[in-house]
mmCIF file of all heavy atoms, coordinates in Angstrom:
data_MODEL
# 
_entry.id   MODEL 
# 
loop_
_atom_site.group_PDB 
_atom_site.id 
_atom_site.type_symbol 
_atom_site.label_atom_id 
_atom_site.label_alt_id 
_atom_site.label_comp_id 
_atom_site.label_asym_id 
_atom_site.label_entity_id 
_atom_site.label_seq_id 
_atom_site.pdbx_PDB_ins_code 
_atom_site.Cartn_x 
_atom_site.Cartn_y 
_atom_site.Cartn_z 
_atom_site.occupancy 
_atom_site.B_iso_or_equiv 
_atom_site.pdbx_formal_charge 
_atom_site.auth_seq_id 
_atom_site.auth_comp_id 
_atom_site.auth_asym_id 
_atom_site.auth_atom_id 
_atom_site.pdbx_PDB_model_num 
ATOM 1   N N   . ILE A 1 1  ? 0.810  -1.216 -0.003 1.00 0.00 ? 1  ILE A N   1 
ATOM 2   C CA  . ILE A 1 1  ? 0.001  -0.001 0.000  1.00 0.00 ? 1  ILE A CA  1 
ATOM 3   C C   . ILE A 1 1  ? 0.842  1.273  0.001  1.00 0.00 ? 1  ILE A C   1 
ATOM 4   O O   . ILE A 1 1  ? 0.320  2.367  0.191  1.00 0.00 ? 1  ILE A O   1 
ATOM 5   C CB  . ILE A 1 1  ? -0.960 0.033  1.202  1.00 0.00 ? 1  ILE A CB  1 
ATOM 6   C CG1 . ILE A 1 1  ? -0.180 0.088  2.523  1.00 0.00 ? 1  ILE A CG1 1 
ATOM 7   C CG2 . ILE A 1 1  ? -1.931 -1.147 1.163  1.00 0.00 ? 1  ILE A CG2 1 
ATOM 8   C CD1 . ILE A 1 1  ? -1.038 0.474  3.729  1.00 0.00 ? 1  ILE A CD1 1 
ATOM 9   N N   . ALA A 1 2  ? 2.139  1.158  -0.232 1.00 0.00 ? 2  ALA A N   1 
ATOM 10  C CA  . ALA A 1 2  ? 3.024  2.322  -0.107 1.00 0.00 ? 2  ALA A CA  1 
ATOM 11  C C   . ALA A 1 2  ? 2.629  3.475  -1.019 1.00 0.00 ? 2  ALA A C   1 
ATOM 12  O O   . ALA A 1 2  ? 2.709  4.647  -0.642 1.00 0.00 ? 2  ALA A O   1 
ATOM 13  C CB  . ALA A 1 2  ? 4.476  1.918  -0.374 1.00 0.00 ? 2  ALA A CB  1 
ATOM 14  N N   . SER A 1 3  ? 2.169  3.154  -2.227 1.00 0.00 ? 3  SER A N   1 
ATOM 15  C CA  . SER A 1 3  ? 1.805  4.216  -3.170 1.00 0.00 ? 3  SER A CA  1 
ATOM 16  C C   . SER A 1 3  ? 0.506  4.912  -2.778 1.00 0.00 ? 3  SER A C   1 
ATOM 17  O O   . SER A 1 3  ? 0.182  5.977  -3.303 1.00 0.00 ? 3  SER A O   1 
ATOM 18  C CB  . SER A 1 3  ? 1.678  3.644  -4.582 1.00 0.00 ? 3  SER A CB  1 
ATOM 19  O OG  . SER A 1 3  ? 0.673  2.644  -4.637 1.00 0.00 ? 3  SER A OG  1 
ATOM 20  N N   . ARG A 1 4  ? -0.226 4.312  -1.819 1.00 0.00 ? 4  ARG A N   1 
ATOM 21  C CA  . ARG A 1 4  ? -1.473 4.912  -1.338 1.00 0.00 ? 4  ARG A CA  1 
ATOM 22  C C   . ARG A 1 4  ? -1.361 5.368  0.116  1.00 0.00 ? 4  ARG A C   1 
ATOM 23  O O   . ARG A 1 4  ? -2.361 5.539  0.801  1.00 0.00 ? 4  ARG A O   1 
ATOM 24  C CB  . ARG A 1 4  ? -2.623 3.901  -1.472 1.00 0.00 ? 4  ARG A CB  1 
ATOM 25  C CG  . ARG A 1 4  ? -3.018 3.607  -2.902 1.00 0.00 ? 4  ARG A CG  1 
ATOM 26  C CD  . ARG A 1 4  ? -4.225 2.670  -2.976 1.00 0.00 ? 4  ARG A CD  1 
ATOM 27  N NE  . ARG A 1 4  ? -3.862 1.270  -2.860 1.00 0.00 ? 4  ARG A NE  1 
ATOM 28  C CZ  . ARG A 1 4  ? -4.281 0.453  -1.892 1.00 0.00 ? 4  ARG A CZ  1 
ATOM 29  N NH1 . ARG A 1 4  ? -5.059 0.905  -0.925 1.00 0.00 ? 4  ARG A NH1 1 
ATOM 30  N NH2 . ARG A 1 4  ? -3.906 -0.810 -1.882 1.00 0.00 ? 4  ARG A NH2 1 
ATOM 31  N N   . THR A 1 5  ? -0.138 5.578  0.575  1.00 0.00 ? 5  THR A N   1 
ATOM 32  C CA  . THR A 1 5  ? 0.084  5.910  1.980  1.00 0.00 ? 5  THR A CA  1 
ATOM 33  C C   . THR A 1 5  ? 0.839  7.215  2.137  1.00 0.00 ? 5  THR A C   1 
ATOM 34  O O   . THR A 1 5  ? 1.799  7.491  1.411  1.00 0.00 ? 5  THR A O   1 
ATOM 35  C CB  . THR A 1 5  ? 0.866  4.781  2.678  1.00 0.00 ? 5  THR A CB  1 
ATOM 36  O OG1 . THR A 1 5  ? 0.071  3.589  2.650  1.00 0.00 ? 5  THR A OG1 1 
ATOM 37  C CG2 . THR A 1 5  ? 1.180  5.132  4.124  1.00 0.00 ? 5  THR A CG2 1 
ATOM 38  N N   . VAL A 1 6  ? 0.399  8.020  3.104  1.00 0.00 ? 6  VAL A N   1 
ATOM 39  C CA  . VAL A 1 6  ? 1.125  9.198  3.574  1.00 0.00 ? 6  VAL A CA  1 
ATOM 40  C C   . VAL A 1 6  ? 1.583  8.906  4.995  1.00 0.00 ? 6  VAL A C   1 
ATOM 41  O O   . VAL A 1 6  ? 0.813  8.385  5.805  1.00 0.00 ? 6  VAL A O   1 
ATOM 42  C CB  . VAL A 1 6  ? 0.215  10.453 3.572  1.00 0.00 ? 6  VAL A CB  1 
ATOM 43  C CG1 . VAL A 1 6  ? 0.950  11.651 4.161  1.00 0.00 ? 6  VAL A CG1 1 
ATOM 44  C CG2 . VAL A 1 6  ? -0.276 10.767 2.165  1.00 0.00 ? 6  VAL A CG2 1 
ATOM 45  N N   . ILE A 1 7  ? 2.835  9.219  5.298  1.00 0.00 ? 7  ILE A N   1 
ATOM 46  C CA  . ILE A 1 7  ? 3.319  9.117  6.674  1.00 0.00 ? 7  ILE A CA  1 
ATOM 47  C C   . ILE A 1 7  ? 3.373  10.521 7.254  1.00 0.00 ? 7  ILE A C   1 
ATOM 48  O O   . ILE A 1 7  ? 4.035  11.405 6.704  1.00 0.00 ? 7  ILE A O   1 
ATOM 49  C CB  . ILE A 1 7  ? 4.704  8.454  6.752  1.00 0.00 ? 7  ILE A CB  1 
ATOM 50  C CG1 . ILE A 1 7  ? 4.699  7.085  6.076  1.00 0.00 ? 7  ILE A CG1 1 
ATOM 51  C CG2 . ILE A 1 7  ? 5.157  8.352  8.212  1.00 0.00 ? 7  ILE A CG2 1 
ATOM 52  C CD1 . ILE A 1 7  ? 3.771  6.066  6.702  1.00 0.00 ? 7  ILE A CD1 1 
ATOM 53  N N   . GLN A 1 8  ? 2.678  10.727 8.364  1.00 0.00 ? 8  GLN A N   1 
ATOM 54  C CA  . GLN A 1 8  ? 2.614  12.051 8.962  1.00 0.00 ? 8  GLN A CA  1 
ATOM 55  C C   . GLN A 1 8  ? 3.234  12.031 10.349 1.00 0.00 ? 8  GLN A C   1 
ATOM 56  O O   . GLN A 1 8  ? 3.308  10.977 10.996 1.00 0.00 ? 8  GLN A O   1 
ATOM 57  C CB  . GLN A 1 8  ? 1.161  12.524 9.053  1.00 0.00 ? 8  GLN A CB  1 
ATOM 58  C CG  . GLN A 1 8  ? 0.272  11.661 9.934  1.00 0.00 ? 8  GLN A CG  1 
ATOM 59  C CD  . GLN A 1 8  ? -1.130 12.204 10.089 1.00 0.00 ? 8  GLN A CD  1 
ATOM 60  O OE1 . GLN A 1 8  ? -1.422 13.342 9.707  1.00 0.00 ? 8  GLN A OE1 1 
ATOM 61  N NE2 . GLN A 1 8  ? -2.031 11.404 10.638 1.00 0.00 ? 8  GLN A NE2 1 
ATOM 62  N N   . SER A 1 9  ? 3.671  13.205 10.812 1.00 0.00 ? 9  SER A N   1 
ATOM 63  C CA  . SER A 1 9  ? 4.216  13.284 12.165 1.00 0.00 ? 9  SER A CA  1 
ATOM 64  C C   . SER A 1 9  ? 4.365  14.731 12.603 1.00 0.00 ? 9  SER A C   1 
ATOM 65  O O   . SER A 1 9  ? 4.600  15.623 11.785 1.00 0.00 ? 9  SER A O   1 
ATOM 66  C CB  . SER A 1 9  ? 5.580  12.599 12.242 1.00 0.00 ? 9  SER A CB  1 
ATOM 67  O OG  . SER A 1 9  ? 5.963  12.401 13.594 1.00 0.00 ? 9  SER A OG  1 
ATOM 68  N N   . PHE A 1 10 ? 4.204  14.939 13.929 1.00 0.00 ? 10 PHE A N   1 
ATOM 69  C CA  . PHE A 1 10 ? 4.609  16.195 14.541 1.00 0.00 ? 10 PHE A CA  1 
ATOM 70  C C   . PHE A 1 10 ? 6.128  16.188 14.732 1.00 0.00 ? 10 PHE A C   1 
ATOM 71  O O   . PHE A 1 10 ? 6.749  17.247 14.826 1.00 0.00 ? 10 PHE A O   1 
ATOM 72  C CB  . PHE A 1 10 ? 3.949  16.357 15.916 1.00 0.00 ? 10 PHE A CB  1 
ATOM 73  C CG  . PHE A 1 10 ? 2.472  16.618 15.870 1.00 0.00 ? 10 PHE A CG  1 
ATOM 74  C CD1 . PHE A 1 10 ? 1.565  15.604 16.132 1.00 0.00 ? 10 PHE A CD1 1 
ATOM 75  C CD2 . PHE A 1 10 ? 1.981  17.881 15.577 1.00 0.00 ? 10 PHE A CD2 1 
ATOM 76  C CE1 . PHE A 1 10 ? 0.203  15.850 16.113 1.00 0.00 ? 10 PHE A CE1 1 
ATOM 77  C CE2 . PHE A 1 10 ? 0.622  18.132 15.545 1.00 0.00 ? 10 PHE A CE2 1 
ATOM 78  C CZ  . PHE A 1 10 ? -0.277 17.111 15.813 1.00 0.00 ? 10 PHE A CZ  1 
ATOM 79  N N   . ASP A 1 11 ? 6.695  14.995 14.841 1.00 0.00 ? 11 ASP A N   1 
ATOM 80  C CA  . ASP A 1 11 ? 8.136  14.828 15.046 1.00 0.00 ? 11 ASP A CA  1 
ATOM 81  C C   . ASP A 1 11 ? 8.815  14.897 13.689 1.00 0.00 ? 11 ASP A C   1 
ATOM 82  O O   . ASP A 1 11 ? 8.838  13.919 12.933 1.00 0.00 ? 11 ASP A O   1 
ATOM 83  C CB  . ASP A 1 11 ? 8.404  13.486 15.729 1.00 0.00 ? 11 ASP A CB  1 
ATOM 84  C CG  . ASP A 1 11 ? 9.867  13.269 16.060 1.00 0.00 ? 11 ASP A CG  1 
ATOM 85  O OD1 . ASP A 1 11 ? 10.704 14.126 15.680 1.00 0.00 ? 11 ASP A OD1 1 
ATOM 86  O OD2 . ASP A 1 11 ? 10.180 12.237 16.674 1.00 0.00 ? 11 ASP A OD2 1 
ATOM 87  N N   . LYS A 1 12 ? 9.385  16.035 13.385 1.00 0.00 ? 12 LYS A N   1 
ATOM 88  C CA  . LYS A 1 12 ? 9.948  16.222 12.048 1.00 0.00 ? 12 LYS A CA  1 
ATOM 89  C C   . LYS A 1 12 ? 11.101 15.273 11.765 1.00 0.00 ? 12 LYS A C   1 
ATOM 90  O O   . LYS A 1 12 ? 11.415 14.995 10.598 1.00 0.00 ? 12 LYS A O   1 
ATOM 91  C CB  . LYS A 1 12 ? 10.399 17.670 11.844 1.00 0.00 ? 12 LYS A CB  1 
ATOM 92  C CG  . LYS A 1 12 ? 11.489 18.178 12.753 1.00 0.00 ? 12 LYS A CG  1 
ATOM 93  C CD  . LYS A 1 12 ? 11.833 19.634 12.404 1.00 0.00 ? 12 LYS A CD  1 
ATOM 94  C CE  . LYS A 1 12 ? 12.939 20.202 13.277 1.00 0.00 ? 12 LYS A CE  1 
ATOM 95  N NZ  . LYS A 1 12 ? 12.519 20.375 14.684 1.00 0.00 ? 12 LYS A NZ  1 
ATOM 96  N N   . ARG A 1 13 ? 11.699 14.702 12.781 1.00 0.00 ? 13 ARG A N   1 
ATOM 97  C CA  . ARG A 1 13 ? 12.832 13.798 12.579 1.00 0.00 ? 13 ARG A CA  1 
ATOM 98  C C   . ARG A 1 13 ? 12.424 12.559 11.771 1.00 0.00 ? 13 ARG A C   1 
ATOM 99  O O   . ARG A 1 13 ? 13.196 12.080 10.943 1.00 0.00 ? 13 ARG A O   1 
ATOM 100 C CB  . ARG A 1 13 ? 13.416 13.369 13.916 1.00 0.00 ? 13 ARG A CB  1 
ATOM 101 C CG  . ARG A 1 13 ? 13.922 14.505 14.792 1.00 0.00 ? 13 ARG A CG  1 
ATOM 102 C CD  . ARG A 1 13 ? 14.358 13.991 16.146 1.00 0.00 ? 13 ARG A CD  1 
ATOM 103 N NE  . ARG A 1 13 ? 13.286 13.259 16.807 1.00 0.00 ? 13 ARG A NE  1 
ATOM 104 C CZ  . ARG A 1 13 ? 13.483 12.346 17.775 1.00 0.00 ? 13 ARG A CZ  1 
ATOM 105 N NH1 . ARG A 1 13 ? 14.724 12.069 18.185 1.00 0.00 ? 13 ARG A NH1 1 
ATOM 106 N NH2 . ARG A 1 13 ? 12.458 11.719 18.328 1.00 0.00 ? 13 ARG A NH2 1 
ATOM 107 N N   . THR A 1 14 ? 11.218 12.039 12.028 1.00 0.00 ? 14 THR A N   1 
ATOM 108 C CA  . THR A 1 14 ? 10.796 10.834 11.322 1.00 0.00 ? 14 THR A CA  1 
ATOM 109 C C   . THR A 1 14 ? 10.550 11.111 9.846  1.00 0.00 ? 14 THR A C   1 
ATOM 110 O O   . THR A 1 14 ? 10.982 10.357 8.986  1.00 0.00 ? 14 THR A O   1 
ATOM 111 C CB  . THR A 1 14 ? 9.547  10.204 11.956 1.00 0.00 ? 14 THR A CB  1 
ATOM 112 O OG1 . THR A 1 14 ? 8.479  11.152 11.970 1.00 0.00 ? 14 THR A OG1 1 
ATOM 113 C CG2 . THR A 1 14 ? 9.813  9.728  13.359 1.00 0.00 ? 14 THR A CG2 1 
ATOM 114 N N   . ILE A 1 15 ? 9.851  12.197 9.553  1.00 0.00 ? 15 ILE A N   1 
ATOM 115 C CA  . ILE A 1 15 ? 9.553  12.442 8.137  1.00 0.00 ? 15 ILE A CA  1 
ATOM 116 C C   . ILE A 1 15 ? 10.767 12.985 7.386  1.00 0.00 ? 15 ILE A C   1 
ATOM 117 O O   . ILE A 1 15 ? 10.885 12.770 6.171  1.00 0.00 ? 15 ILE A O   1 
ATOM 118 C CB  . ILE A 1 15 ? 8.307  13.339 7.956  1.00 0.00 ? 15 ILE A CB  1 
ATOM 119 C CG1 . ILE A 1 15 ? 8.432  14.664 8.701  1.00 0.00 ? 15 ILE A CG1 1 
ATOM 120 C CG2 . ILE A 1 15 ? 7.054  12.585 8.409  1.00 0.00 ? 15 ILE A CG2 1 
ATOM 121 C CD1 . ILE A 1 15 ? 7.274  15.620 8.440  1.00 0.00 ? 15 ILE A CD1 1 
ATOM 122 N N   . GLN A 1 16 ? 11.685 13.630 8.089  1.00 0.00 ? 16 GLN A N   1 
ATOM 123 C CA  . GLN A 1 16 ? 12.954 14.016 7.441  1.00 0.00 ? 16 GLN A CA  1 
ATOM 124 C C   . GLN A 1 16 ? 13.729 12.771 7.033  1.00 0.00 ? 16 GLN A C   1 
ATOM 125 O O   . GLN A 1 16 ? 14.281 12.703 5.928  1.00 0.00 ? 16 GLN A O   1 
ATOM 126 C CB  . GLN A 1 16 ? 13.788 14.882 8.399  1.00 0.00 ? 16 GLN A CB  1 
ATOM 127 C CG  . GLN A 1 16 ? 13.273 16.304 8.560  1.00 0.00 ? 16 GLN A CG  1 
ATOM 128 C CD  . GLN A 1 16 ? 13.961 17.036 9.703  1.00 0.00 ? 16 GLN A CD  1 
ATOM 129 O OE1 . GLN A 1 16 ? 14.439 16.426 10.671 1.00 0.00 ? 16 GLN A OE1 1 
ATOM 130 N NE2 . GLN A 1 16 ? 14.013 18.358 9.620  1.00 0.00 ? 16 GLN A NE2 1 
ATOM 131 N N   . TYR A 1 17 ? 13.771 11.797 7.923  1.00 0.00 ? 17 TYR A N   1 
ATOM 132 C CA  . TYR A 1 17 ? 14.453 10.532 7.619  1.00 0.00 ? 17 TYR A CA  1 
ATOM 133 C C   . TYR A 1 17 ? 13.767 9.826  6.448  1.00 0.00 ? 17 TYR A C   1 
ATOM 134 O O   . TYR A 1 17 ? 14.434 9.342  5.527  1.00 0.00 ? 17 TYR A O   1 
ATOM 135 C CB  . TYR A 1 17 ? 14.465 9.640  8.856  1.00 0.00 ? 17 TYR A CB  1 
ATOM 136 C CG  . TYR A 1 17 ? 14.927 8.231  8.578  1.00 0.00 ? 17 TYR A CG  1 
ATOM 137 C CD1 . TYR A 1 17 ? 16.270 7.941  8.329  1.00 0.00 ? 17 TYR A CD1 1 
ATOM 138 C CD2 . TYR A 1 17 ? 14.007 7.180  8.545  1.00 0.00 ? 17 TYR A CD2 1 
ATOM 139 C CE1 . TYR A 1 17 ? 16.682 6.648  8.056  1.00 0.00 ? 17 TYR A CE1 1 
ATOM 140 C CE2 . TYR A 1 17 ? 14.419 5.883  8.287  1.00 0.00 ? 17 TYR A CE2 1 
ATOM 141 C CZ  . TYR A 1 17 ? 15.758 5.624  8.035  1.00 0.00 ? 17 TYR A CZ  1 
ATOM 142 O OH  . TYR A 1 17 ? 16.160 4.341  7.760  1.00 0.00 ? 17 TYR A OH  1 
ATOM 143 N N   . ILE A 1 18 ? 12.451 9.749  6.490  1.00 0.00 ? 18 ILE A N   1 
ATOM 144 C CA  . ILE A 1 18 ? 11.706 9.083  5.414  1.00 0.00 ? 18 ILE A CA  1 
ATOM 145 C C   . ILE A 1 18 ? 11.938 9.792  4.082  1.00 0.00 ? 18 ILE A C   1 
ATOM 146 O O   . ILE A 1 18 ? 12.156 9.147  3.049  1.00 0.00 ? 18 ILE A O   1 
ATOM 147 C CB  . ILE A 1 18 ? 10.209 9.010  5.766  1.00 0.00 ? 18 ILE A CB  1 
ATOM 148 C CG1 . ILE A 1 18 ? 9.990  8.031  6.921  1.00 0.00 ? 18 ILE A CG1 1 
ATOM 149 C CG2 . ILE A 1 18 ? 9.376  8.574  4.554  1.00 0.00 ? 18 ILE A CG2 1 
ATOM 150 C CD1 . ILE A 1 18 ? 8.621  8.111  7.552  1.00 0.00 ? 18 ILE A CD1 1 
ATOM 151 N N   . ASN A 1 19 ? 11.907 11.115 4.098  1.00 0.00 ? 19 ASN A N   1 
ATOM 152 C CA  . ASN A 1 19 ? 12.131 11.857 2.854  1.00 0.00 ? 19 ASN A CA  1 
ATOM 153 C C   . ASN A 1 19 ? 13.517 11.589 2.282  1.00 0.00 ? 19 ASN A C   1 
ATOM 154 O O   . ASN A 1 19 ? 13.694 11.520 1.063  1.00 0.00 ? 19 ASN A O   1 
ATOM 155 C CB  . ASN A 1 19 ? 11.956 13.351 3.112  1.00 0.00 ? 19 ASN A CB  1 
ATOM 156 C CG  . ASN A 1 19 ? 12.202 14.191 1.877  1.00 0.00 ? 19 ASN A CG  1 
ATOM 157 O OD1 . ASN A 1 19 ? 11.447 14.150 0.920  1.00 0.00 ? 19 ASN A OD1 1 
ATOM 158 N ND2 . ASN A 1 19 ? 13.287 14.962 1.884  1.00 0.00 ? 19 ASN A ND2 1 
ATOM 159 N N   . ARG A 1 20 ? 14.485 11.414 3.162  1.00 0.00 ? 20 ARG A N   1 
ATOM 160 C CA  . ARG A 1 20 ? 15.861 11.196 2.710  1.00 0.00 ? 20 ARG A CA  1 
ATOM 161 C C   . ARG A 1 20 ? 16.082 9.768  2.207  1.00 0.00 ? 20 ARG A C   1 
ATOM 162 O O   . ARG A 1 20 ? 16.710 9.548  1.165  1.00 0.00 ? 20 ARG A O   1 
ATOM 163 C CB  . ARG A 1 20 ? 16.819 11.496 3.869  1.00 0.00 ? 20 ARG A CB  1 
ATOM 164 C CG  . ARG A 1 20 ? 18.291 11.422 3.482  1.00 0.00 ? 20 ARG A CG  1 
ATOM 165 C CD  . ARG A 1 20 ? 19.177 11.883 4.606  1.00 0.00 ? 20 ARG A CD  1 
ATOM 166 N NE  . ARG A 1 20 ? 19.189 10.960 5.741  1.00 0.00 ? 20 ARG A NE  1 
ATOM 167 C CZ  . ARG A 1 20 ? 18.591 11.177 6.913  1.00 0.00 ? 20 ARG A CZ  1 
ATOM 168 N NH1 . ARG A 1 20 ? 17.910 12.299 7.101  1.00 0.00 ? 20 ARG A NH1 1 
ATOM 169 N NH2 . ARG A 1 20 ? 18.676 10.295 7.888  1.00 0.00 ? 20 ARG A NH2 1 
ATOM 170 N N   . VAL A 1 21 ? 15.540 8.795  2.931  1.00 0.00 ? 21 VAL A N   1 
ATOM 171 C CA  . VAL A 1 21 ? 15.837 7.387  2.636  1.00 0.00 ? 21 VAL A CA  1 
ATOM 172 C C   . VAL A 1 21 ? 14.771 6.730  1.749  1.00 0.00 ? 21 VAL A C   1 
ATOM 173 O O   . VAL A 1 21 ? 15.077 5.836  0.972  1.00 0.00 ? 21 VAL A O   1 
ATOM 174 C CB  . VAL A 1 21 ? 15.998 6.608  3.955  1.00 0.00 ? 21 VAL A CB  1 
ATOM 175 C CG1 . VAL A 1 21 ? 16.288 5.137  3.700  1.00 0.00 ? 21 VAL A CG1 1 
ATOM 176 C CG2 . VAL A 1 21 ? 17.132 7.221  4.787  1.00 0.00 ? 21 VAL A CG2 1 
ATOM 177 N N   . TYR A 1 22 ? 13.531 7.212  1.861  1.00 0.00 ? 22 TYR A N   1 
ATOM 178 C CA  . TYR A 1 22 ? 12.413 6.669  1.089  1.00 0.00 ? 22 TYR A CA  1 
ATOM 179 C C   . TYR A 1 22 ? 11.730 7.798  0.311  1.00 0.00 ? 22 TYR A C   1 
ATOM 180 O O   . TYR A 1 22 ? 10.568 8.139  0.578  1.00 0.00 ? 22 TYR A O   1 
ATOM 181 C CB  . TYR A 1 22 ? 11.385 6.003  2.008  1.00 0.00 ? 22 TYR A CB  1 
ATOM 182 C CG  . TYR A 1 22 ? 11.942 5.009  2.988  1.00 0.00 ? 22 TYR A CG  1 
ATOM 183 C CD1 . TYR A 1 22 ? 12.150 5.362  4.325  1.00 0.00 ? 22 TYR A CD1 1 
ATOM 184 C CD2 . TYR A 1 22 ? 12.234 3.709  2.591  1.00 0.00 ? 22 TYR A CD2 1 
ATOM 185 C CE1 . TYR A 1 22 ? 12.648 4.446  5.231  1.00 0.00 ? 22 TYR A CE1 1 
ATOM 186 C CE2 . TYR A 1 22 ? 12.725 2.783  3.503  1.00 0.00 ? 22 TYR A CE2 1 
ATOM 187 C CZ  . TYR A 1 22 ? 12.935 3.160  4.816  1.00 0.00 ? 22 TYR A CZ  1 
ATOM 188 O OH  . TYR A 1 22 ? 13.433 2.241  5.722  1.00 0.00 ? 22 TYR A OH  1 
ATOM 189 N N   . PRO A 1 23 ? 12.428 8.438  -0.608 1.00 0.00 ? 23 PRO A N   1 
ATOM 190 C CA  . PRO A 1 23 ? 11.871 9.633  -1.259 1.00 0.00 ? 23 PRO A CA  1 
ATOM 191 C C   . PRO A 1 23 ? 10.605 9.386  -2.062 1.00 0.00 ? 23 PRO A C   1 
ATOM 192 O O   . PRO A 1 23 ? 9.862  10.332 -2.352 1.00 0.00 ? 23 PRO A O   1 
ATOM 193 C CB  . PRO A 1 23 ? 13.018 10.097 -2.168 1.00 0.00 ? 23 PRO A CB  1 
ATOM 194 C CG  . PRO A 1 23 ? 13.847 8.866  -2.404 1.00 0.00 ? 23 PRO A CG  1 
ATOM 195 C CD  . PRO A 1 23 ? 13.771 8.101  -1.126 1.00 0.00 ? 23 PRO A CD  1 
ATOM 196 N N   . GLU A 1 24 ? 10.316 8.117  -2.407 1.00 0.00 ? 24 GLU A N   1 
ATOM 197 C CA  . GLU A 1 24 ? 9.098  7.835  -3.159 1.00 0.00 ? 24 GLU A CA  1 
ATOM 198 C C   . GLU A 1 24 ? 7.839  7.945  -2.304 1.00 0.00 ? 24 GLU A C   1 
ATOM 199 O O   . GLU A 1 24 ? 6.732  8.062  -2.817 1.00 0.00 ? 24 GLU A O   1 
ATOM 200 C CB  . GLU A 1 24 ? 9.151  6.409  -3.754 1.00 0.00 ? 24 GLU A CB  1 
ATOM 201 C CG  . GLU A 1 24 ? 10.247 6.211  -4.799 1.00 0.00 ? 24 GLU A CG  1 
ATOM 202 C CD  . GLU A 1 24 ? 11.566 5.763  -4.177 1.00 0.00 ? 24 GLU A CD  1 
ATOM 203 O OE1 . GLU A 1 24 ? 11.706 5.906  -2.939 1.00 0.00 ? 24 GLU A OE1 1 
ATOM 204 O OE2 . GLU A 1 24 ? 12.435 5.277  -4.906 1.00 0.00 ? 24 GLU A OE2 1 
ATOM 205 N N   . LEU A 1 25 ? 8.013  7.892  -0.983 1.00 0.00 ? 25 LEU A N   1 
ATOM 206 C CA  . LEU A 1 25 ? 6.872  7.929  -0.085 1.00 0.00 ? 25 LEU A CA  1 
ATOM 207 C C   . LEU A 1 25 ? 6.424  9.361  0.201  1.00 0.00 ? 25 LEU A C   1 
ATOM 208 O O   . LEU A 1 25 ? 7.231  10.273 0.333  1.00 0.00 ? 25 LEU A O   1 
ATOM 209 C CB  . LEU A 1 25 ? 7.216  7.227  1.230  1.00 0.00 ? 25 LEU A CB  1 
ATOM 210 C CG  . LEU A 1 25 ? 7.137  5.709  1.158  1.00 0.00 ? 25 LEU A CG  1 
ATOM 211 C CD1 . LEU A 1 25 ? 7.970  5.060  2.236  1.00 0.00 ? 25 LEU A CD1 1 
ATOM 212 C CD2 . LEU A 1 25 ? 5.685  5.267  1.297  1.00 0.00 ? 25 LEU A CD2 1 
ATOM 213 N N   . LYS A 1 26 ? 5.123  9.527  0.336  1.00 0.00 ? 26 LYS A N   1 
ATOM 214 C CA  . LYS A 1 26 ? 4.540  10.835 0.653  1.00 0.00 ? 26 LYS A CA  1 
ATOM 215 C C   . LYS A 1 26 ? 4.622  11.075 2.158  1.00 0.00 ? 26 LYS A C   1 
ATOM 216 O O   . LYS A 1 26 ? 4.385  10.166 2.958  1.00 0.00 ? 26 LYS A O   1 
ATOM 217 C CB  . LYS A 1 26 ? 3.073  10.896 0.199  1.00 0.00 ? 26 LYS A CB  1 
ATOM 218 C CG  . LYS A 1 26 ? 2.849  10.640 -1.280 1.00 0.00 ? 26 LYS A CG  1 
ATOM 219 C CD  . LYS A 1 26 ? 1.360  10.609 -1.606 1.00 0.00 ? 26 LYS A CD  1 
ATOM 220 C CE  . LYS A 1 26 ? 1.103  10.301 -3.067 1.00 0.00 ? 26 LYS A CE  1 
ATOM 221 N NZ  . LYS A 1 26 ? 1.442  8.899  -3.401 1.00 0.00 ? 26 LYS A NZ  1 
ATOM 222 N N   . THR A 1 27 ? 4.919  12.316 2.538  1.00 0.00 ? 27 THR A N   1 
ATOM 223 C CA  . THR A 1 27 ? 4.981  12.671 3.943  1.00 0.00 ? 27 THR A CA  1 
ATOM 224 C C   . THR A 1 27 ? 4.137  13.913 4.223  1.00 0.00 ? 27 THR A C   1 
ATOM 225 O O   . THR A 1 27 ? 3.865  14.713 3.327  1.00 0.00 ? 27 THR A O   1 
ATOM 226 C CB  . THR A 1 27 ? 6.423  12.936 4.411  1.00 0.00 ? 27 THR A CB  1 
ATOM 227 O OG1 . THR A 1 27 ? 7.007  13.964 3.593  1.00 0.00 ? 27 THR A OG1 1 
ATOM 228 C CG2 . THR A 1 27 ? 7.268  11.681 4.352  1.00 0.00 ? 27 THR A CG2 1 
ATOM 229 N N   . SER A 1 28 ? 3.733  14.034 5.484  1.00 0.00 ? 28 SER A N   1 
ATOM 230 C CA  . SER A 1 28 ? 2.916  15.167 5.913  1.00 0.00 ? 28 SER A CA  1 
ATOM 231 C C   . SER A 1 28 ? 3.469  15.699 7.235  1.00 0.00 ? 28 SER A C   1 
ATOM 232 O O   . SER A 1 28 ? 3.733  14.924 8.160  1.00 0.00 ? 28 SER A O   1 
ATOM 233 C CB  . SER A 1 28 ? 1.459  14.729 6.085  1.00 0.00 ? 28 SER A CB  1 
ATOM 234 O OG  . SER A 1 28 ? 0.674  15.769 6.611  1.00 0.00 ? 28 SER A OG  1 
# 
């Protein structure tokens, strides 16, 4: 379901990591 998933967080560290390592994934 990765192409239909957004990962969100108040903790910017998690989505910064995801953006860097998993750039195909959407973040919020």
